Amino acid sequence: MNPRPEATLDSALMMVLTGLVAVRILALARPGEMARAHAEAAADGGLVDIISETGDRLTAPGNFRGPCERKTRAEVLNAMAACLALGAHQPGGVTWAGHHWCTAPHDNCPNRRYRAA
C-alpha cells in the first residue's frame, strides 16, 4: 500500500533519482573518478546511449515489468544519475525536471545552502 496517495510514479522516480545523484556526486570526489565518469558518459554504448535508447520509457508506468526490464530501468536511472552528477560539478550546477544539483556556491542557486555569499 502506498503510504502517500498523492505520490505519483514520477515523484517516486524523482525521489530515487535524487538519492542516486547524491551518491554519484560523492563518488566523483574520489581521485580519478571524474575522468573515468566523463569517459563512461562519452563512450559508445555509454551513459548517453543508455539514456537515449531507453530513457523515454520512464515516463509511462508499467513499462518495466519483468526482471530483465527492471534491470534496464535501473541502468537508465543510474546513467541519468551519473550524468546529472557530472553536471552538478560544472559551474552553476545543473537543473533538470525542476530539480537543481550543484557542488559549489553560485549566484541564483535555487538551493539555499549553496547560494554564494
N, C-alpha and C. Protein backbone atom coordinates (compact mmCIF):
# COMPACT_ATOMS: atom_id res chain seq x y z
N MET A 1 0.83 -1.18 0.00
CA MET A 1 0.00 0.00 0.00
C MET A 1 0.88 1.25 0.00
N ASN A 2 0.49 2.23 -0.77
CA ASN A 2 1.23 3.48 -0.86
C ASN A 2 0.87 4.37 0.33
N PRO A 3 1.83 4.68 1.22
CA PRO A 3 1.50 5.49 2.39
C PRO A 3 1.14 6.94 2.04
N ARG A 4 1.53 7.40 0.88
CA ARG A 4 1.20 8.77 0.45
C ARG A 4 0.45 8.69 -0.86
N PRO A 5 -0.87 8.70 -0.84
CA PRO A 5 -1.62 8.53 -2.08
C PRO A 5 -1.34 9.60 -3.11
N GLU A 6 -0.89 10.79 -2.68
CA GLU A 6 -0.63 11.85 -3.64
C GLU A 6 0.67 11.64 -4.40
N ALA A 7 1.50 10.70 -3.94
CA ALA A 7 2.76 10.42 -4.62
C ALA A 7 2.46 9.71 -5.93
N THR A 8 3.12 10.12 -6.97
CA THR A 8 2.93 9.50 -8.28
C THR A 8 4.18 8.73 -8.66
N LEU A 9 4.08 7.99 -9.73
CA LEU A 9 5.26 7.29 -10.22
C LEU A 9 6.37 8.28 -10.51
N ASP A 10 6.00 9.41 -11.10
CA ASP A 10 7.01 10.42 -11.41
C ASP A 10 7.70 10.92 -10.15
N SER A 11 6.94 11.19 -9.09
CA SER A 11 7.57 11.69 -7.87
C SER A 11 8.40 10.59 -7.21
N ALA A 12 7.96 9.35 -7.31
CA ALA A 12 8.74 8.25 -6.75
C ALA A 12 10.05 8.08 -7.51
N LEU A 13 9.98 8.15 -8.83
CA LEU A 13 11.21 8.05 -9.62
C LEU A 13 12.15 9.22 -9.34
N MET A 14 11.61 10.41 -9.17
CA MET A 14 12.46 11.56 -8.87
C MET A 14 13.10 11.40 -7.50
N MET A 15 12.38 10.82 -6.55
CA MET A 15 12.95 10.60 -5.23
C MET A 15 14.14 9.63 -5.34
N VAL A 16 13.96 8.55 -6.10
CA VAL A 16 15.04 7.59 -6.30
C VAL A 16 16.20 8.26 -7.04
N LEU A 17 15.88 8.99 -8.09
CA LEU A 17 16.92 9.65 -8.88
C LEU A 17 17.70 10.66 -8.04
N THR A 18 17.01 11.42 -7.22
CA THR A 18 17.67 12.40 -6.35
C THR A 18 18.66 11.72 -5.42
N GLY A 19 18.27 10.59 -4.85
CA GLY A 19 19.18 9.84 -3.99
C GLY A 19 20.39 9.30 -4.74
N LEU A 20 20.13 8.79 -5.94
CA LEU A 20 21.23 8.27 -6.77
C LEU A 20 22.20 9.37 -7.18
N VAL A 21 21.68 10.55 -7.50
CA VAL A 21 22.54 11.67 -7.88
C VAL A 21 23.44 12.05 -6.70
N ALA A 22 22.87 12.11 -5.51
CA ALA A 22 23.68 12.46 -4.33
C ALA A 22 24.82 11.47 -4.12
N VAL A 23 24.53 10.19 -4.29
CA VAL A 23 25.58 9.16 -4.14
C VAL A 23 26.64 9.34 -5.22
N ARG A 24 26.22 9.60 -6.44
CA ARG A 24 27.17 9.79 -7.55
C ARG A 24 28.02 11.04 -7.35
N ILE A 25 27.42 12.10 -6.82
CA ILE A 25 28.20 13.33 -6.55
C ILE A 25 29.32 13.02 -5.56
N LEU A 26 28.99 12.28 -4.52
CA LEU A 26 30.01 11.90 -3.53
C LEU A 26 31.08 11.01 -4.16
N ALA A 27 30.67 10.08 -5.01
CA ALA A 27 31.63 9.17 -5.64
C ALA A 27 32.60 9.92 -6.54
N LEU A 28 32.14 10.99 -7.17
CA LEU A 28 33.01 11.76 -8.08
C LEU A 28 34.13 12.49 -7.34
N ALA A 29 34.04 12.57 -6.03
CA ALA A 29 35.09 13.24 -5.25
C ALA A 29 36.33 12.35 -5.09
N ARG A 30 36.19 11.05 -5.38
CA ARG A 30 37.34 10.15 -5.25
C ARG A 30 38.35 10.45 -6.37
N PRO A 31 39.64 10.29 -6.09
CA PRO A 31 40.67 10.56 -7.10
C PRO A 31 40.46 9.72 -8.36
N GLY A 32 40.51 10.37 -9.51
CA GLY A 32 40.39 9.70 -10.79
C GLY A 32 38.98 9.40 -11.23
N GLU A 33 38.02 9.56 -10.35
CA GLU A 33 36.65 9.19 -10.66
C GLU A 33 36.01 10.14 -11.67
N MET A 34 36.35 11.41 -11.62
CA MET A 34 35.77 12.39 -12.55
C MET A 34 36.16 12.06 -13.98
N ALA A 35 37.44 11.78 -14.22
CA ALA A 35 37.89 11.45 -15.58
C ALA A 35 37.25 10.15 -16.06
N ARG A 36 37.14 9.17 -15.17
CA ARG A 36 36.51 7.90 -15.54
C ARG A 36 35.04 8.12 -15.90
N ALA A 37 34.34 8.94 -15.14
CA ALA A 37 32.92 9.20 -15.39
C ALA A 37 32.71 9.93 -16.71
N HIS A 38 33.58 10.88 -17.02
CA HIS A 38 33.49 11.58 -18.31
C HIS A 38 33.68 10.60 -19.46
N ALA A 39 34.65 9.71 -19.33
CA ALA A 39 34.90 8.73 -20.38
C ALA A 39 33.72 7.77 -20.53
N GLU A 40 33.16 7.36 -19.40
CA GLU A 40 32.00 6.46 -19.42
C GLU A 40 30.79 7.12 -20.08
N ALA A 41 30.62 8.39 -19.84
CA ALA A 41 29.48 9.11 -20.42
C ALA A 41 29.60 9.22 -21.94
N ALA A 42 30.80 9.42 -22.42
CA ALA A 42 31.01 9.68 -23.85
C ALA A 42 31.26 8.43 -24.68
N ALA A 43 31.56 7.31 -24.06
CA ALA A 43 31.92 6.09 -24.80
C ALA A 43 30.74 5.56 -25.61
N ASP A 44 31.05 4.86 -26.69
CA ASP A 44 30.00 4.17 -27.45
C ASP A 44 29.32 3.16 -26.53
N GLY A 45 28.00 3.20 -26.50
CA GLY A 45 27.26 2.32 -25.61
C GLY A 45 27.30 2.77 -24.17
N GLY A 46 27.81 3.98 -23.93
CA GLY A 46 27.94 4.51 -22.58
C GLY A 46 26.65 5.14 -22.07
N LEU A 47 26.80 5.99 -21.10
CA LEU A 47 25.66 6.58 -20.41
C LEU A 47 24.70 7.31 -21.34
N VAL A 48 25.24 8.09 -22.25
CA VAL A 48 24.39 8.86 -23.16
C VAL A 48 23.57 7.92 -24.04
N ASP A 49 24.18 6.85 -24.52
CA ASP A 49 23.45 5.89 -25.35
C ASP A 49 22.36 5.18 -24.56
N ILE A 50 22.65 4.82 -23.33
CA ILE A 50 21.65 4.15 -22.48
C ILE A 50 20.44 5.05 -22.30
N ILE A 51 20.68 6.31 -21.99
CA ILE A 51 19.58 7.25 -21.77
C ILE A 51 18.79 7.47 -23.05
N SER A 52 19.48 7.68 -24.16
CA SER A 52 18.78 7.99 -25.41
C SER A 52 17.98 6.79 -25.93
N GLU A 53 18.42 5.59 -25.64
CA GLU A 53 17.72 4.40 -26.13
C GLU A 53 16.51 4.03 -25.29
N THR A 54 16.54 4.32 -23.99
CA THR A 54 15.52 3.79 -23.10
C THR A 54 14.89 4.83 -22.17
N GLY A 55 15.48 5.99 -22.04
CA GLY A 55 15.03 6.97 -21.05
C GLY A 55 13.58 7.37 -21.18
N ASP A 56 13.05 7.44 -22.40
CA ASP A 56 11.66 7.87 -22.57
C ASP A 56 10.67 6.88 -21.97
N ARG A 57 11.08 5.65 -21.79
CA ARG A 57 10.18 4.64 -21.21
C ARG A 57 9.91 4.89 -19.73
N LEU A 58 10.72 5.72 -19.07
CA LEU A 58 10.50 6.02 -17.66
C LEU A 58 9.23 6.85 -17.44
N THR A 59 8.75 7.51 -18.47
CA THR A 59 7.63 8.43 -18.30
C THR A 59 6.27 7.75 -18.19
N ALA A 60 6.16 6.49 -18.57
CA ALA A 60 4.88 5.79 -18.51
C ALA A 60 4.96 4.61 -17.55
N PRO A 61 4.01 4.51 -16.64
CA PRO A 61 4.03 3.38 -15.70
C PRO A 61 3.82 2.06 -16.43
N GLY A 62 4.39 1.01 -15.89
CA GLY A 62 4.20 -0.32 -16.44
C GLY A 62 5.12 -0.69 -17.57
N ASN A 63 6.08 0.12 -17.89
CA ASN A 63 6.99 -0.17 -19.00
C ASN A 63 8.09 -1.15 -18.62
N PHE A 64 8.28 -1.43 -17.36
CA PHE A 64 9.37 -2.30 -16.91
C PHE A 64 8.79 -3.37 -15.99
N ARG A 65 8.23 -4.42 -16.56
CA ARG A 65 7.50 -5.41 -15.76
C ARG A 65 8.34 -6.59 -15.30
N GLY A 66 9.10 -7.22 -16.15
CA GLY A 66 9.86 -8.42 -15.78
C GLY A 66 11.19 -8.08 -15.15
N PRO A 67 11.90 -9.09 -14.64
CA PRO A 67 13.20 -8.88 -14.00
C PRO A 67 14.22 -8.22 -14.94
N CYS A 68 14.25 -8.65 -16.19
CA CYS A 68 15.19 -8.04 -17.14
C CYS A 68 14.82 -6.59 -17.39
N GLU A 69 13.54 -6.32 -17.48
CA GLU A 69 13.07 -4.95 -17.70
C GLU A 69 13.39 -4.06 -16.50
N ARG A 70 13.26 -4.60 -15.30
CA ARG A 70 13.59 -3.80 -14.10
C ARG A 70 15.08 -3.51 -14.06
N LYS A 71 15.88 -4.44 -14.54
CA LYS A 71 17.33 -4.20 -14.63
C LYS A 71 17.59 -3.06 -15.61
N THR A 72 16.87 -3.04 -16.71
CA THR A 72 17.01 -1.96 -17.69
C THR A 72 16.64 -0.62 -17.06
N ARG A 73 15.55 -0.59 -16.29
CA ARG A 73 15.14 0.64 -15.61
C ARG A 73 16.24 1.11 -14.67
N ALA A 74 16.84 0.19 -13.93
CA ALA A 74 17.93 0.54 -13.02
C ALA A 74 19.12 1.11 -13.78
N GLU A 75 19.44 0.52 -14.92
CA GLU A 75 20.55 1.03 -15.74
C GLU A 75 20.28 2.45 -16.22
N VAL A 76 19.04 2.72 -16.64
CA VAL A 76 18.70 4.07 -17.11
C VAL A 76 18.78 5.07 -15.96
N LEU A 77 18.22 4.72 -14.81
CA LEU A 77 18.27 5.64 -13.66
C LEU A 77 19.70 5.90 -13.23
N ASN A 78 20.53 4.87 -13.21
CA ASN A 78 21.94 5.06 -12.84
C ASN A 78 22.67 5.91 -13.86
N ALA A 79 22.38 5.72 -15.14
CA ALA A 79 23.01 6.53 -16.18
C ALA A 79 22.60 8.00 -16.04
N MET A 80 21.30 8.22 -15.78
CA MET A 80 20.84 9.59 -15.60
C MET A 80 21.49 10.22 -14.37
N ALA A 81 21.58 9.46 -13.29
CA ALA A 81 22.20 9.97 -12.07
C ALA A 81 23.66 10.34 -12.31
N ALA A 82 24.37 9.50 -13.04
CA ALA A 82 25.79 9.77 -13.32
C ALA A 82 25.94 11.06 -14.13
N CYS A 83 25.10 11.22 -15.15
CA CYS A 83 25.20 12.43 -15.99
C CYS A 83 24.80 13.67 -15.20
N LEU A 84 23.77 13.58 -14.38
CA LEU A 84 23.38 14.74 -13.57
C LEU A 84 24.45 15.07 -12.54
N ALA A 85 25.11 14.06 -11.98
CA ALA A 85 26.20 14.31 -11.03
C ALA A 85 27.37 15.01 -11.71
N LEU A 86 27.67 14.61 -12.94
CA LEU A 86 28.71 15.32 -13.70
C LEU A 86 28.31 16.77 -13.90
N GLY A 87 27.05 17.00 -14.24
CA GLY A 87 26.56 18.37 -14.41
C GLY A 87 26.61 19.17 -13.13
N ALA A 88 26.38 18.51 -12.00
CA ALA A 88 26.41 19.20 -10.71
C ALA A 88 27.79 19.76 -10.39
N HIS A 89 28.82 19.14 -10.95
CA HIS A 89 30.19 19.60 -10.71
C HIS A 89 30.60 20.75 -11.64
N GLN A 90 29.75 21.09 -12.58
CA GLN A 90 30.05 22.20 -13.50
C GLN A 90 29.71 23.52 -12.82
N PRO A 91 30.32 24.64 -13.24
CA PRO A 91 29.96 25.95 -12.67
C PRO A 91 28.46 26.21 -12.84
N GLY A 92 27.79 26.50 -11.76
CA GLY A 92 26.35 26.75 -11.80
C GLY A 92 25.51 25.50 -11.65
N GLY A 93 26.14 24.33 -11.63
CA GLY A 93 25.40 23.09 -11.44
C GLY A 93 24.53 22.74 -12.62
N VAL A 94 23.50 21.95 -12.37
CA VAL A 94 22.58 21.50 -13.42
C VAL A 94 21.16 21.50 -12.87
N THR A 95 20.22 21.89 -13.70
CA THR A 95 18.81 21.84 -13.34
C THR A 95 18.10 20.98 -14.37
N TRP A 96 17.31 20.02 -13.88
CA TRP A 96 16.56 19.15 -14.77
C TRP A 96 15.26 18.75 -14.07
N ALA A 97 14.16 18.82 -14.81
CA ALA A 97 12.84 18.43 -14.31
C ALA A 97 12.49 19.15 -13.00
N GLY A 98 12.88 20.41 -12.91
CA GLY A 98 12.56 21.20 -11.73
C GLY A 98 13.45 20.96 -10.52
N HIS A 99 14.46 20.14 -10.66
CA HIS A 99 15.39 19.86 -9.56
C HIS A 99 16.75 20.41 -9.94
N HIS A 100 17.48 20.89 -8.93
CA HIS A 100 18.78 21.50 -9.16
C HIS A 100 19.83 20.80 -8.30
N TRP A 101 20.95 20.47 -8.92
CA TRP A 101 22.07 19.87 -8.21
C TRP A 101 23.31 20.70 -8.48
N CYS A 102 24.08 20.98 -7.43
CA CYS A 102 25.34 21.71 -7.58
C CYS A 102 26.27 21.33 -6.44
N THR A 103 27.54 21.59 -6.64
CA THR A 103 28.53 21.21 -5.62
C THR A 103 29.29 22.41 -5.06
N ALA A 104 28.99 23.59 -5.55
CA ALA A 104 29.69 24.79 -5.07
C ALA A 104 28.71 25.96 -5.07
N PRO A 105 28.93 26.92 -4.17
CA PRO A 105 28.06 28.10 -4.15
C PRO A 105 28.11 28.85 -5.49
N HIS A 106 26.96 29.36 -5.90
CA HIS A 106 26.91 30.16 -7.13
C HIS A 106 25.71 31.09 -7.07
N ASP A 107 25.77 32.15 -7.88
CA ASP A 107 24.68 33.11 -7.93
C ASP A 107 23.42 32.45 -8.45
N ASN A 108 22.28 32.92 -7.96
CA ASN A 108 20.96 32.44 -8.39
C ASN A 108 20.74 30.95 -8.16
N CYS A 109 21.39 30.39 -7.17
CA CYS A 109 21.22 28.98 -6.85
C CYS A 109 19.87 28.78 -6.16
N PRO A 110 19.05 27.87 -6.65
CA PRO A 110 17.76 27.63 -6.00
C PRO A 110 17.88 26.86 -4.68
N ASN A 111 19.05 26.28 -4.42
CA ASN A 111 19.28 25.58 -3.15
C ASN A 111 19.90 26.57 -2.16
N ARG A 112 19.18 26.94 -1.16
CA ARG A 112 19.66 27.96 -0.21
C ARG A 112 21.03 27.68 0.36
N ARG A 113 21.26 26.44 0.74
CA ARG A 113 22.53 26.14 1.42
C ARG A 113 23.75 26.36 0.55
N TYR A 114 23.56 26.44 -0.77
CA TYR A 114 24.69 26.61 -1.67
C TYR A 114 24.76 28.00 -2.29
N ARG A 115 23.89 28.90 -1.93
CA ARG A 115 23.93 30.23 -2.54
C ARG A 115 25.23 30.94 -2.20
N ALA A 116 25.78 31.61 -3.18
CA ALA A 116 27.01 32.36 -2.96
C ALA A 116 26.75 33.49 -1.98
N ALA A 117 27.71 33.73 -1.12
CA ALA A 117 27.55 34.78 -0.10
C ALA A 117 27.86 36.14 -0.68
